[in-house]
Protein backbone atom coordinates (compact mmCIF):
# COMPACT_ATOMS: atom_id res chain seq x y z
CA MET A 1 -1.68 -12.53 -9.80
CA GLY A 2 -2.29 -10.96 -6.43
CA LEU A 3 -2.34 -7.31 -5.42
CA VAL A 4 -0.62 -5.36 -2.69
CA LEU A 5 -2.75 -2.29 -2.12
CA ASP A 6 -1.03 0.99 -1.34
CA SER A 7 -2.44 3.37 1.25
CA THR A 8 -3.54 5.77 -1.52
CA VAL A 9 -6.31 3.30 -2.44
CA PHE A 10 -7.78 3.46 1.06
CA ILE A 11 -7.15 7.15 1.65
CA ALA A 12 -9.13 8.00 -1.48
CA GLY A 13 -12.01 5.79 -0.33
CA GLU A 14 -12.05 7.18 3.19
CA ARG A 15 -12.08 10.73 1.85
CA ARG A 16 -15.00 9.88 -0.46
CA GLY A 17 -16.89 8.58 2.58
CA VAL A 18 -17.24 5.01 1.31
CA THR A 19 -16.75 1.83 3.32
CA VAL A 20 -13.81 -0.54 3.14
CA LEU A 21 -16.12 -3.08 1.48
CA ASP A 22 -16.94 -0.46 -1.16
CA VAL A 23 -13.23 0.10 -1.77
CA LEU A 24 -12.59 -3.63 -2.12
CA GLU A 25 -15.56 -4.06 -4.45
CA ASP A 26 -14.27 -1.18 -6.58
CA VAL A 27 -10.83 -2.81 -6.73
CA ARG A 28 -12.33 -6.13 -7.80
CA LYS A 29 -14.62 -4.50 -10.34
CA LYS A 30 -11.79 -2.51 -11.96
CA LEU A 31 -8.84 -4.91 -11.53
CA GLY A 32 -10.39 -8.37 -11.26
CA ASP A 33 -10.77 -10.92 -8.51
CA HIS A 34 -7.25 -11.27 -7.11
CA GLU A 35 -5.87 -12.11 -3.70
CA ILE A 36 -5.43 -8.79 -1.90
CA VAL A 37 -2.98 -7.98 0.88
CA ILE A 38 -1.34 -4.92 2.37
CA SER A 39 2.20 -4.45 3.60
CA ALA A 40 2.99 -3.65 7.21
CA MET A 41 4.30 -0.34 5.80
CA THR A 42 0.85 0.40 4.36
CA ALA A 43 -0.59 -0.33 7.79
CA ALA A 44 1.85 2.15 9.33
CA GLU A 45 0.93 4.79 6.75
CA LEU A 46 -2.77 4.34 7.53
CA VAL A 47 -2.20 4.60 11.29
CA HIS A 48 -0.09 7.69 10.67
CA GLY A 49 -3.08 9.24 8.89
CA VAL A 50 -5.30 8.50 11.87
CA TRP A 51 -2.98 10.38 14.21
CA ARG A 52 -2.56 13.29 11.80
CA ALA A 53 -6.29 14.04 11.93
CA PRO A 54 -6.88 17.64 13.00
CA ARG A 55 -9.88 16.84 15.23
CA ARG A 56 -11.02 13.96 17.46
CA ASN A 57 -14.13 13.22 15.42
CA ILE A 58 -12.07 12.89 12.23
CA ARG A 59 -9.52 10.75 14.06
CA ALA A 60 -12.27 8.46 15.35
CA ARG A 61 -13.79 8.10 11.86
CA ARG A 62 -10.39 7.36 10.32
CA GLU A 63 -9.50 4.90 13.06
CA GLU A 64 -12.74 2.99 12.52
CA PHE A 65 -12.04 2.85 8.78
CA VAL A 66 -8.42 1.71 9.28
CA GLU A 67 -9.38 -0.96 11.81
CA GLU A 68 -11.87 -2.32 9.29
CA VAL A 69 -9.07 -2.46 6.69
CA PHE A 70 -6.99 -4.49 9.14
CA SER A 71 -9.88 -6.86 9.91
CA ARG A 72 -10.64 -7.56 6.24
CA ILE A 73 -7.24 -7.62 4.53
CA PRO A 74 -4.20 -9.70 5.49
CA VAL A 75 -1.20 -7.60 6.55
CA ARG A 76 2.14 -8.97 5.36
CA SER A 77 4.99 -8.52 7.81
CA ILE A 78 8.37 -7.25 6.71
CA SER A 79 10.48 -10.38 6.69
CA LEU A 80 14.24 -10.70 6.34
CA ARG A 81 13.67 -11.71 2.71
CA ILE A 82 11.69 -8.51 2.06
CA ALA A 83 14.39 -6.49 3.84
CA ARG A 84 17.01 -8.04 1.55
CA ILE A 85 14.97 -7.17 -1.55
CA ALA A 86 14.50 -3.61 -0.31
CA GLY A 87 18.18 -3.22 0.54
CA GLN A 88 19.29 -4.40 -2.87
CA ILE A 89 16.80 -2.20 -4.73
CA ASP A 90 17.68 0.82 -2.60
CA ALA A 91 21.43 0.40 -3.17
CA LEU A 92 21.08 -0.15 -6.93
CA SER A 93 18.59 2.71 -7.28
CA ARG A 94 20.70 5.18 -5.33
CA ALA A 95 23.74 4.26 -7.45
CA LYS A 96 21.69 5.55 -10.39
CA GLY A 97 20.58 8.68 -8.52
CA ILE A 98 17.06 7.35 -7.81
CA VAL A 99 15.70 7.60 -4.28
CA VAL A 100 12.54 5.64 -3.59
CA PRO A 101 10.79 6.71 -0.37
CA THR A 102 11.34 4.06 2.30
CA ALA A 103 7.68 3.17 2.79
CA ASP A 104 7.12 2.70 -0.95
CA LEU A 105 10.35 0.72 -1.20
CA PHE A 106 9.09 -1.76 1.41
CA ILE A 107 5.60 -1.94 -0.07
CA GLY A 108 7.10 -2.64 -3.48
CA SER A 109 9.51 -5.19 -2.00
CA THR A 110 6.57 -6.96 -0.36
CA ALA A 111 4.88 -7.21 -3.76
CA LEU A 112 8.08 -8.49 -5.38
CA ASP A 113 8.48 -11.11 -2.66
CA LEU A 114 4.95 -12.37 -3.30
CA ASP A 115 5.18 -11.95 -7.11
CA TYR A 116 2.19 -9.59 -6.88
CA ALA A 117 1.51 -6.20 -8.42
CA VAL A 118 1.05 -2.97 -6.47
CA ALA A 119 -2.21 -1.08 -6.97
CA THR A 120 -1.71 2.60 -6.21
CA GLY A 121 -2.63 6.15 -6.98
CA ASN A 122 1.08 7.02 -6.68
CA LEU A 123 2.65 5.77 -9.89
CA ARG A 124 5.71 7.99 -9.70
CA HIS A 125 7.35 6.35 -6.69
CA PHE A 126 6.42 2.76 -7.44
CA ARG A 127 7.53 2.88 -11.06
CA GLN A 128 11.04 3.53 -9.74
CA VAL A 129 11.15 0.06 -8.14
CA PHE A 130 12.91 -2.35 -10.52
CA ASP A 131 10.82 -5.21 -11.94
CA LEU A 132 7.70 -4.20 -10.02
CA ARG A 133 4.31 -4.49 -11.73
CA VAL A 134 2.42 -1.31 -10.92
CA ILE A 135 -1.28 -0.83 -11.61
CA GLU A 136 -2.83 2.61 -11.41
CA PHE A 137 -5.87 2.71 -9.20
CA GLY A 138 -7.65 5.89 -8.45
């Protein structure tokens, strides 16, 4: 099994002041030695966090952290196949009154496409994605 890491995993590490290598070691120690990737949506969420920083020095620190994430972990693009998975899940979920936030929908769809689990600190949203294996990490 592989893992798609959600942005919450990295945000928690960055806030604790640890390195990306520390985060990855913690993931491996707690969840095992699996192939690890992130979705392009996770990448967008991380960049969003950089630009939301209230001061330049915080932005620079976050940007350095995020760029290290990108250099160490493969980023999976959103393919047509992933878009189809997301569209189907979104339509079926909404028919049942469930709205999964778009970013989490695409992260979950990336994991489904790869037959991976999602590791996240945000169980609530990801547990709404049908057939997705979700692992709490925090």
